[in-house]
Amino acid sequence: RNALVLVRGKATDQLPGPGRQLNAVALAAGWDSDDGGEFLDNYLRVTRRAKAVVRKVFGE
């Protein structure tokens, strides 16, 4: 979320679509490359895993 504020200059809860802003968010978030697509794939994989853990622990 902080990376989004740094890139966009305002608070937001949504990642930008593919392009320069997503690449900038990836860099601001500490991603090694400016490949926004790779960053987004990793983000989605991690959040899916976290969601599965929450469902397993707390139920649906």
PDB file of N, CA and C in Angstrom:
ATOM      1  N   ARG A   1       0.828  -1.187   0.000  1.00  0.00           N
ATOM      2  CA  ARG A   1       0.000   0.000   0.000  1.00  0.00           C
ATOM      3  C   ARG A   1       0.875   1.254   0.000  1.00  0.00           C
ATOM      4  N   ASN A   2       1.944   1.236   0.767  1.00  0.00           N
ATOM      5  CA  ASN A   2       2.838   2.389   0.791  1.00  0.00           C
ATOM      6  C   ASN A   2       3.486   2.624  -0.570  1.00  0.00           C
ATOM      7  N   ALA A   3       3.798   1.534  -1.265  1.00  0.00           N
ATOM      8  CA  ALA A   3       4.382   1.672  -2.599  1.00  0.00           C
ATOM      9  C   ALA A   3       3.396   2.343  -3.548  1.00  0.00           C
ATOM     10  N   LEU A   4       2.112   2.033  -3.398  1.00  0.00           N
ATOM     11  CA  LEU A   4       1.089   2.670  -4.235  1.00  0.00           C
ATOM     12  C   LEU A   4       1.035   4.168  -3.977  1.00  0.00           C
ATOM     13  N   VAL A   5       1.133   4.560  -2.714  1.00  0.00           N
ATOM     14  CA  VAL A   5       1.112   5.990  -2.377  1.00  0.00           C
ATOM     15  C   VAL A   5       2.340   6.678  -2.962  1.00  0.00           C
ATOM     16  N   LEU A   6       3.495   6.030  -2.858  1.00  0.00           N
ATOM     17  CA  LEU A   6       4.712   6.622  -3.411  1.00  0.00           C
ATOM     18  C   LEU A   6       4.608   6.833  -4.917  1.00  0.00           C
ATOM     19  N   VAL A   7       4.010   5.889  -5.607  1.00  0.00           N
ATOM     20  CA  VAL A   7       3.931   5.966  -7.069  1.00  0.00           C
ATOM     21  C   VAL A   7       2.807   6.877  -7.526  1.00  0.00           C
ATOM     22  N   ARG A   8       1.626   6.733  -6.919  1.00  0.00           N
ATOM     23  CA  ARG A   8       0.450   7.477  -7.383  1.00  0.00           C
ATOM     24  C   ARG A   8       0.262   8.819  -6.695  1.00  0.00           C
ATOM     25  N   GLY A   9       0.855   8.970  -5.520  1.00  0.00           N
ATOM     26  CA  GLY A   9       0.698  10.227  -4.802  1.00  0.00           C
ATOM     27  C   GLY A   9      -0.602  10.332  -4.034  1.00  0.00           C
ATOM     28  N   LYS A  10      -1.338   9.241  -3.939  1.00  0.00           N
ATOM     29  CA  LYS A  10      -2.584   9.224  -3.172  1.00  0.00           C
ATOM     30  C   LYS A  10      -2.838   7.806  -2.679  1.00  0.00           C
ATOM     31  N   ALA A  11      -3.621   7.697  -1.609  1.00  0.00           N
ATOM     32  CA  ALA A  11      -3.928   6.384  -1.049  1.00  0.00           C
ATOM     33  C   ALA A  11      -4.884   5.633  -1.971  1.00  0.00           C
ATOM     34  N   THR A  12      -4.598   4.357  -2.170  1.00  0.00           N
ATOM     35  CA  THR A  12      -5.458   3.501  -2.980  1.00  0.00           C
ATOM     36  C   THR A  12      -5.257   2.055  -2.552  1.00  0.00           C
ATOM     37  N   ASP A  13      -6.241   1.229  -2.801  1.00  0.00           N
ATOM     38  CA  ASP A  13      -6.165  -0.180  -2.429  1.00  0.00           C
ATOM     39  C   ASP A  13      -6.096  -1.098  -3.641  1.00  0.00           C
ATOM     40  N   GLN A  14      -5.967  -0.540  -4.826  1.00  0.00           N
ATOM     41  CA  GLN A  14      -5.938  -1.354  -6.039  1.00  0.00           C
ATOM     42  C   GLN A  14      -4.614  -1.171  -6.760  1.00  0.00           C
ATOM     43  N   LEU A  15      -4.062  -2.289  -7.203  1.00  0.00           N
ATOM     44  CA  LEU A  15      -2.853  -2.214  -8.011  1.00  0.00           C
ATOM     45  C   LEU A  15      -3.207  -1.653  -9.381  1.00  0.00           C
ATOM     46  N   PRO A  16      -2.305  -0.882  -9.969  1.00  0.00           N
ATOM     47  CA  PRO A  16      -2.571  -0.376 -11.318  1.00  0.00           C
ATOM     48  C   PRO A  16      -2.508  -1.505 -12.335  1.00  0.00           C
ATOM     49  N   GLY A  17      -3.064  -1.255 -13.491  1.00  0.00           N
ATOM     50  CA  GLY A  17      -2.995  -2.224 -14.576  1.00  0.00           C
ATOM     51  C   GLY A  17      -1.583  -2.304 -15.124  1.00  0.00           C
ATOM     52  N   PRO A  18      -1.362  -3.206 -16.063  1.00  0.00           N
ATOM     53  CA  PRO A  18      -0.029  -3.370 -16.644  1.00  0.00           C
ATOM     54  C   PRO A  18       0.488  -2.054 -17.218  1.00  0.00           C
ATOM     55  N   GLY A  19       1.777  -1.849 -17.077  1.00  0.00           N
ATOM     56  CA  GLY A  19       2.376  -0.646 -17.631  1.00  0.00           C
ATOM     57  C   GLY A  19       3.354   0.004 -16.676  1.00  0.00           C
ATOM     58  N   ARG A  20       3.638   1.270 -16.953  1.00  0.00           N
ATOM     59  CA  ARG A  20       4.665   1.999 -16.206  1.00  0.00           C
ATOM     60  C   ARG A  20       4.370   2.095 -14.720  1.00  0.00           C
ATOM     61  N   GLN A  21       3.108   2.356 -14.355  1.00  0.00           N
ATOM     62  CA  GLN A  21       2.791   2.502 -12.936  1.00  0.00           C
ATOM     63  C   GLN A  21       2.984   1.195 -12.180  1.00  0.00           C
ATOM     64  N   LEU A  22       2.578   0.084 -12.753  1.00  0.00           N
ATOM     65  CA  LEU A  22       2.772  -1.207 -12.089  1.00  0.00           C
ATOM     66  C   LEU A  22       4.262  -1.513 -11.956  1.00  0.00           C
ATOM     67  N   ASN A  23       5.043  -1.212 -12.976  1.00  0.00           N
ATOM     68  CA  ASN A  23       6.492  -1.400 -12.895  1.00  0.00           C
ATOM     69  C   ASN A  23       7.084  -0.541 -11.782  1.00  0.00           C
ATOM     70  N   ALA A  24       6.612   0.688 -11.656  1.00  0.00           N
ATOM     71  CA  ALA A  24       7.099   1.581 -10.607  1.00  0.00           C
ATOM     72  C   ALA A  24       6.708   1.072  -9.223  1.00  0.00           C
ATOM     73  N   VAL A  25       5.508   0.529  -9.091  1.00  0.00           N
ATOM     74  CA  VAL A  25       5.071  -0.051  -7.813  1.00  0.00           C
ATOM     75  C   VAL A  25       5.969  -1.233  -7.460  1.00  0.00           C
ATOM     76  N   ALA A  26       6.284  -2.064  -8.438  1.00  0.00           N
ATOM     77  CA  ALA A  26       7.161  -3.214  -8.195  1.00  0.00           C
ATOM     78  C   ALA A  26       8.507  -2.756  -7.645  1.00  0.00           C
ATOM     79  N   LEU A  27       9.079  -1.746  -8.245  1.00  0.00           N
ATOM     80  CA  LEU A  27      10.361  -1.225  -7.764  1.00  0.00           C
ATOM     81  C   LEU A  27      10.225  -0.616  -6.374  1.00  0.00           C
ATOM     82  N   ALA A  28       9.181   0.162  -6.142  1.00  0.00           N
ATOM     83  CA  ALA A  28       8.969   0.804  -4.842  1.00  0.00           C
ATOM     84  C   ALA A  28       8.720  -0.222  -3.742  1.00  0.00           C
ATOM     85  N   ALA A  29       8.163  -1.374  -4.109  1.00  0.00           N
ATOM     86  CA  ALA A  29       7.884  -2.431  -3.128  1.00  0.00           C
ATOM     87  C   ALA A  29       9.116  -3.291  -2.858  1.00  0.00           C
ATOM     88  N   GLY A  30      10.220  -2.975  -3.519  1.00  0.00           N
ATOM     89  CA  GLY A  30      11.453  -3.709  -3.284  1.00  0.00           C
ATOM     90  C   GLY A  30      11.686  -4.877  -4.221  1.00  0.00           C
ATOM     91  N   TRP A  31      10.883  -4.964  -5.273  1.00  0.00           N
ATOM     92  CA  TRP A  31      11.045  -6.029  -6.259  1.00  0.00           C
ATOM     93  C   TRP A  31      12.362  -5.814  -6.990  1.00  0.00           C
ATOM     94  N   ASP A  32      13.084  -6.893  -7.282  1.00  0.00           N
ATOM     95  CA  ASP A  32      14.415  -6.788  -7.885  1.00  0.00           C
ATOM     96  C   ASP A  32      14.408  -6.205  -9.291  1.00  0.00           C
ATOM     97  N   SER A  33      13.361  -6.457 -10.042  1.00  0.00           N
ATOM     98  CA  SER A  33      13.298  -5.932 -11.404  1.00  0.00           C
ATOM     99  C   SER A  33      12.076  -5.036 -11.539  1.00  0.00           C
ATOM    100  N   ASP A  34      12.010  -4.336 -12.646  1.00  0.00           N
ATOM    101  CA  ASP A  34      10.847  -3.478 -12.879  1.00  0.00           C
ATOM    102  C   ASP A  34       9.799  -4.200 -13.724  1.00  0.00           C
ATOM    103  N   ASP A  35       9.785  -5.529 -13.655  1.00  0.00           N
ATOM    104  CA  ASP A  35       8.801  -6.324 -14.391  1.00  0.00           C
ATOM    105  C   ASP A  35       7.514  -6.388 -13.588  1.00  0.00           C
ATOM    106  N   GLY A  36       6.594  -5.495 -13.884  1.00  0.00           N
ATOM    107  CA  GLY A  36       5.337  -5.428 -13.158  1.00  0.00           C
ATOM    108  C   GLY A  36       4.511  -6.691 -13.287  1.00  0.00           C
ATOM    109  N   GLY A  37       4.568  -7.349 -14.427  1.00  0.00           N
ATOM    110  CA  GLY A  37       3.812  -8.582 -14.625  1.00  0.00           C
ATOM    111  C   GLY A  37       4.288  -9.690 -13.699  1.00  0.00           C
ATOM    112  N   GLU A  38       5.588  -9.810 -13.559  1.00  0.00           N
ATOM    113  CA  GLU A  38       6.160 -10.813 -12.658  1.00  0.00           C
ATOM    114  C   GLU A  38       5.804 -10.483 -11.203  1.00  0.00           C
ATOM    115  N   PHE A  39       5.883  -9.219 -10.855  1.00  0.00           N
ATOM    116  CA  PHE A  39       5.497  -8.766  -9.511  1.00  0.00           C
ATOM    117  C   PHE A  39       4.032  -9.103  -9.242  1.00  0.00           C
ATOM    118  N   LEU A  40       3.158  -8.820 -10.197  1.00  0.00           N
ATOM    119  CA  LEU A  40       1.728  -9.079 -10.035  1.00  0.00           C
ATOM    120  C   LEU A  40       1.450 -10.575  -9.895  1.00  0.00           C
ATOM    121  N   ASP A  41       2.105 -11.400 -10.697  1.00  0.00           N
ATOM    122  CA  ASP A  41       1.936 -12.855 -10.583  1.00  0.00           C
ATOM    123  C   ASP A  41       2.324 -13.340  -9.193  1.00  0.00           C
ATOM    124  N   ASN A  42       3.444 -12.852  -8.681  1.00  0.00           N
ATOM    125  CA  ASN A  42       3.888 -13.237  -7.345  1.00  0.00           C
ATOM    126  C   ASN A  42       2.903 -12.758  -6.287  1.00  0.00           C
ATOM    127  N   TYR A  43       2.445 -11.533  -6.412  1.00  0.00           N
ATOM    128  CA  TYR A  43       1.476 -10.974  -5.461  1.00  0.00           C
ATOM    129  C   TYR A  43       0.200 -11.815  -5.427  1.00  0.00           C
ATOM    130  N   LEU A  44      -0.308 -12.174  -6.579  1.00  0.00           N
ATOM    131  CA  LEU A  44      -1.533 -12.973  -6.644  1.00  0.00           C
ATOM    132  C   LEU A  44      -1.330 -14.365  -6.055  1.00  0.00           C
ATOM    133  N   ARG A  45      -0.176 -14.967  -6.318  1.00  0.00           N
ATOM    134  CA  ARG A  45       0.118 -16.289  -5.764  1.00  0.00           C
ATOM    135  C   ARG A  45       0.178 -16.234  -4.235  1.00  0.00           C
ATOM    136  N   VAL A  46       0.852 -15.242  -3.696  1.00  0.00           N
ATOM    137  CA  VAL A  46       0.986 -15.103  -2.242  1.00  0.00           C
ATOM    138  C   VAL A  46      -0.364 -14.812  -1.597  1.00  0.00           C
ATOM    139  N   THR A  47      -1.163 -13.949  -2.193  1.00  0.00           N
ATOM    140  CA  THR A  47      -2.456 -13.625  -1.587  1.00  0.00           C
ATOM    141  C   THR A  47      -3.430 -14.797  -1.671  1.00  0.00           C
ATOM    142  N   ARG A  48      -3.363 -15.594  -2.733  1.00  0.00           N
ATOM    143  CA  ARG A  48      -4.199 -16.807  -2.805  1.00  0.00           C
ATOM    144  C   ARG A  48      -3.821 -17.779  -1.700  1.00  0.00           C
ATOM    145  N   ARG A  49      -2.523 -17.936  -1.468  1.00  0.00           N
ATOM    146  CA  ARG A  49      -2.054 -18.827  -0.410  1.00  0.00           C
ATOM    147  C   ARG A  49      -2.505 -18.318   0.960  1.00  0.00           C
ATOM    148  N   ALA A  50      -2.391 -17.031   1.188  1.00  0.00           N
ATOM    149  CA  ALA A  50      -2.823 -16.450   2.466  1.00  0.00           C
ATOM    150  C   ALA A  50      -4.324 -16.638   2.673  1.00  0.00           C
ATOM    151  N   LYS A  51      -5.091 -16.461   1.625  1.00  0.00           N
ATOM    152  CA  LYS A  51      -6.543 -16.643   1.717  1.00  0.00           C
ATOM    153  C   LYS A  51      -6.888 -18.085   2.063  1.00  0.00           C
ATOM    154  N   ALA A  52      -6.176 -19.035   1.469  1.00  0.00           N
ATOM    155  CA  ALA A  52      -6.412 -20.453   1.761  1.00  0.00           C
ATOM    156  C   ALA A  52      -6.091 -20.772   3.217  1.00  0.00           C
ATOM    157  N   VAL A  53      -5.032 -20.189   3.745  1.00  0.00           N
ATOM    158  CA  VAL A  53      -4.670 -20.412   5.147  1.00  0.00           C
ATOM    159  C   VAL A  53      -5.735 -19.844   6.066  1.00  0.00           C
ATOM    160  N   VAL A  54      -6.202 -18.649   5.786  1.00  0.00           N
ATOM    161  CA  VAL A  54      -7.248 -18.033   6.613  1.00  0.00           C
ATOM    162  C   VAL A  54      -8.502 -18.894   6.595  1.00  0.00           C
ATOM    163  N   ARG A  55      -8.879 -19.375   5.432  1.00  0.00           N
ATOM    164  CA  ARG A  55     -10.071 -20.239   5.337  1.00  0.00           C
ATOM    165  C   ARG A  55      -9.881 -21.534   6.121  1.00  0.00           C
ATOM    166  N   LYS A  56      -8.688 -22.108   6.050  1.00  0.00           N
ATOM    167  CA  LYS A  56      -8.416 -23.354   6.762  1.00  0.00           C
ATOM    168  C   LYS A  56      -8.461 -23.136   8.275  1.00  0.00           C
ATOM    169  N   VAL A  57      -7.897 -22.043   8.739  1.00  0.00           N
ATOM    170  CA  VAL A  57      -7.824 -21.775  10.177  1.00  0.00           C
ATOM    171  C   VAL A  57      -9.164 -21.306  10.732  1.00  0.00           C
ATOM    172  N   PHE A  58      -9.829 -20.404  10.038  1.00  0.00           N
ATOM    173  CA  PHE A  58     -11.036 -19.771  10.563  1.00  0.00           C
ATOM    174  C   PHE A  58     -12.333 -20.257   9.918  1.00  0.00           C
ATOM    175  N   GLY A  59     -12.234 -21.063   8.882  1.00  0.00           N
ATOM    176  CA  GLY A  59     -13.430 -21.509   8.173  1.00  0.00           C
ATOM    177  C   GLY A  59     -13.908 -20.453   7.197  1.00  0.00           C
ATOM    178  N   GLU A  60     -14.906 -20.824   6.428  1.00  0.00           N
ATOM    179  CA  GLU A  60     -15.392 -19.877   5.410  1.00  0.00           C
ATOM    180  C   GLU A  60     -16.470 -19.003   5.905  1.00  0.00           C
TER     181      GLU A  60
END
